[in-house]
Amino acid sequence: MGWLQRLFGVKKPQNPQQAINATPAPQAAPQSAPAGQSYAAPSATEATPPERVGLNGEYDQSGLAKRVALAFDEDDQLDDIETLYVAQTGGTVVLKGKVPSQDILNRMVSVARNVSGATGVETDQVTIG
């Protein structure tokens, strides 16, 4: 099945490497608020935070976690481990669950750190065995 499909129910994009290395693009500011509503409009050059960039460059609350799952799918040394989950807290990738060995966990941390927008990887919720 794969990481991305199992964790998020999403199929791989056509260009996985481009998605993994996605960088935020400036987004145009809306012209006006809906009737009866007001808000401070973002500047025309305001970009989506790197950890919120989705697989296709869109805003996605879980964008970093999805791109890390995709990076795991793309790594020949990492099979889907059904006892491990990927989440995020801001730019920090959070791994939770159980992995078979320290070597596999080390590889996962290395892969996750190299995904655009990742500022760190948390593994304190992972057990080995």
Protein backbone atom coordinates (compact mmCIF):
# COMPACT_ATOMS: atom_id res chain seq x y z
CA MET A 1 0.00 0.00 0.00
CA GLY A 2 2.66 2.56 0.91
CA TRP A 3 3.08 5.27 3.51
CA LEU A 4 1.14 8.05 1.81
CA GLN A 5 -1.84 5.86 0.95
CA ARG A 6 -2.00 4.20 4.39
CA LEU A 7 -1.60 7.36 6.47
CA PHE A 8 -3.48 9.92 4.42
CA GLY A 9 -5.52 7.98 1.84
CA VAL A 10 -3.74 9.88 -0.94
CA LYS A 11 -2.14 8.53 -4.11
CA LYS A 12 1.36 9.54 -5.16
CA PRO A 13 1.60 12.67 -7.32
CA GLN A 14 3.00 12.34 -10.84
CA ASN A 15 6.29 14.02 -9.90
CA PRO A 16 7.12 12.78 -6.37
CA GLN A 17 10.55 14.44 -6.10
CA GLN A 18 9.08 17.82 -6.97
CA ALA A 19 6.42 17.36 -4.27
CA ILE A 20 8.97 16.32 -1.63
CA ASN A 21 11.09 19.39 -2.34
CA ALA A 22 8.13 21.77 -2.73
CA THR A 23 8.76 25.36 -1.79
CA PRO A 24 6.03 27.85 -1.06
CA ALA A 25 4.98 30.16 -3.86
CA PRO A 26 3.77 33.70 -3.31
CA GLN A 27 0.00 33.90 -3.32
CA ALA A 28 -2.08 36.80 -4.52
CA ALA A 29 -4.00 38.70 -1.90
CA PRO A 30 -7.79 38.51 -2.18
CA GLN A 31 -9.34 41.69 -3.54
CA SER A 32 -12.11 42.02 -0.95
CA ALA A 33 -13.81 40.23 1.91
CA PRO A 34 -17.29 38.72 1.50
CA ALA A 35 -20.15 41.10 2.30
CA GLY A 36 -20.41 41.82 6.01
CA GLN A 37 -16.92 40.48 6.80
CA SER A 38 -13.60 42.21 7.15
CA TYR A 39 -10.05 41.00 7.59
CA ALA A 40 -6.50 42.17 7.21
CA ALA A 41 -5.49 41.17 3.71
CA PRO A 42 -2.11 39.45 3.38
CA SER A 43 0.50 41.15 1.28
CA ALA A 44 0.74 40.14 -2.37
CA THR A 45 4.08 38.43 -1.71
CA GLU A 46 3.04 36.48 1.39
CA ALA A 47 3.89 32.81 0.93
CA THR A 48 2.49 29.65 2.47
CA PRO A 49 4.76 28.51 5.33
CA PRO A 50 7.06 25.68 4.11
CA GLU A 51 5.54 23.15 6.50
CA ARG A 52 2.06 23.85 5.09
CA VAL A 53 2.87 23.27 1.42
CA GLY A 54 0.92 20.29 0.10
CA LEU A 55 1.88 17.66 -2.45
CA ASN A 56 0.83 19.89 -5.35
CA GLY A 57 2.03 23.22 -3.98
CA GLU A 58 -1.34 24.07 -2.39
CA TYR A 59 -1.88 25.05 1.26
CA ASP A 60 -2.26 21.89 3.35
CA GLN A 61 -2.37 21.82 7.15
CA SER A 62 -0.58 18.42 7.04
CA GLY A 63 1.59 19.22 4.03
CA LEU A 64 4.95 18.43 5.65
CA ALA A 65 3.75 15.10 7.09
CA LYS A 66 2.36 14.10 3.69
CA ARG A 67 5.60 15.04 1.94
CA VAL A 68 7.60 13.04 4.51
CA ALA A 69 5.34 10.01 3.96
CA LEU A 70 5.93 10.42 0.22
CA ALA A 71 9.70 10.62 0.80
CA PHE A 72 9.50 7.35 2.78
CA ASP A 73 7.63 5.77 -0.15
CA GLU A 74 10.33 6.96 -2.56
CA ASP A 75 13.22 5.54 -0.48
CA ASP A 76 14.13 2.00 -1.57
CA GLN A 77 15.45 1.20 1.92
CA LEU A 78 12.17 2.00 3.70
CA ASP A 79 9.21 -0.33 3.44
CA ASP A 80 5.88 0.76 4.89
CA ILE A 81 5.90 -0.03 8.61
CA GLU A 82 2.27 -0.38 9.64
CA THR A 83 3.12 0.34 13.28
CA LEU A 84 4.61 3.78 12.62
CA TYR A 85 2.82 7.05 11.97
CA VAL A 86 3.96 10.43 10.70
CA ALA A 87 2.59 13.71 12.03
CA GLN A 88 3.85 17.25 12.33
CA THR A 89 3.93 20.09 14.81
CA GLY A 90 4.80 23.20 12.83
CA GLY A 91 8.04 22.39 11.01
CA THR A 92 8.86 19.44 13.27
CA VAL A 93 8.19 15.96 11.89
CA VAL A 94 6.79 13.72 14.63
CA LEU A 95 7.26 9.96 14.31
CA LYS A 96 5.05 7.80 16.54
CA GLY A 97 4.79 4.06 17.02
CA LYS A 98 7.14 1.12 16.67
CA VAL A 99 9.98 0.32 14.27
CA PRO A 100 11.91 -2.96 13.90
CA SER A 101 15.41 -1.53 14.42
CA GLN A 102 17.47 1.54 15.31
CA ASP A 103 19.00 1.46 11.80
CA ILE A 104 15.57 1.87 10.21
CA LEU A 105 14.69 4.69 12.59
CA ASN A 106 17.99 6.43 11.79
CA ARG A 107 17.24 6.15 8.06
CA MET A 108 13.75 7.56 8.56
CA VAL A 109 15.11 10.53 10.53
CA SER A 110 17.66 11.18 7.79
CA VAL A 111 15.03 11.07 5.05
CA ALA A 112 12.58 13.25 7.02
CA ARG A 113 15.23 15.91 7.73
CA ASN A 114 15.85 16.31 4.01
CA VAL A 115 12.22 17.14 3.16
CA SER A 116 11.70 20.81 2.39
CA GLY A 117 10.19 22.62 5.38
CA ALA A 118 11.36 20.15 8.03
CA THR A 119 13.10 21.95 10.89
CA GLY A 120 13.53 18.87 13.07
CA VAL A 121 12.44 15.30 13.69
CA GLU A 122 10.98 14.11 16.98
CA THR A 123 11.33 10.39 17.82
CA ASP A 124 10.59 10.25 21.56
CA GLN A 125 7.27 8.51 20.80
CA VAL A 126 8.95 5.68 18.86
CA THR A 127 9.84 2.31 20.36
CA ILE A 128 12.25 -0.17 18.81
CA GLY A 129 11.64 -3.88 18.68
